[in-house]
Amino acid sequence: MFACEAADVSPDIMTLGKGLTGGTLPLAATVATQKVFDAFWSDDPLHALMHGPTYMGNALACAAANASLDLFERENRLLQSADIGKFLGEHLGVCLGLPHVVTFARAAPSAWWNSTASPTSMC
């Protein structure tokens, strides 16, 4: 489900944002290894890892996140994502010859982006 899995990387800390709610509402989460969690576990607020209080505790956003995660269980969202990545790779390839367009190839087929130096160079 995560790019780090496709790249065979195990991050110590990972933040999750828009994808939790399918982009419908702001919600973020921070997940960490037990070792990192234990390093910040304390009753002293100065010792705590502040990890996103702006977007936490919103019951409606949490309900949207649960519904979004339900879709991952019912539908093959990863296959859909791979299909979208393949489509983008095939159809955005024409942009590669344009000035200021750089390709970033990632481990997952769905993670194919073009980054432009200037909005006017976009195709």
Foldseek 3Di string as FASTA:
>chain_A
DDLCVLVVHDDQKDKDWCLLLVNPDTAMDMDGDPVVVVQQDDPDPVSHDDDDPPHPDDPVSNVSSVVSVVCVVVDVVLVVLLVCLVVCVVPVPVLVVFPQWDWDDGSGSSPTDIDGPDPVRHD
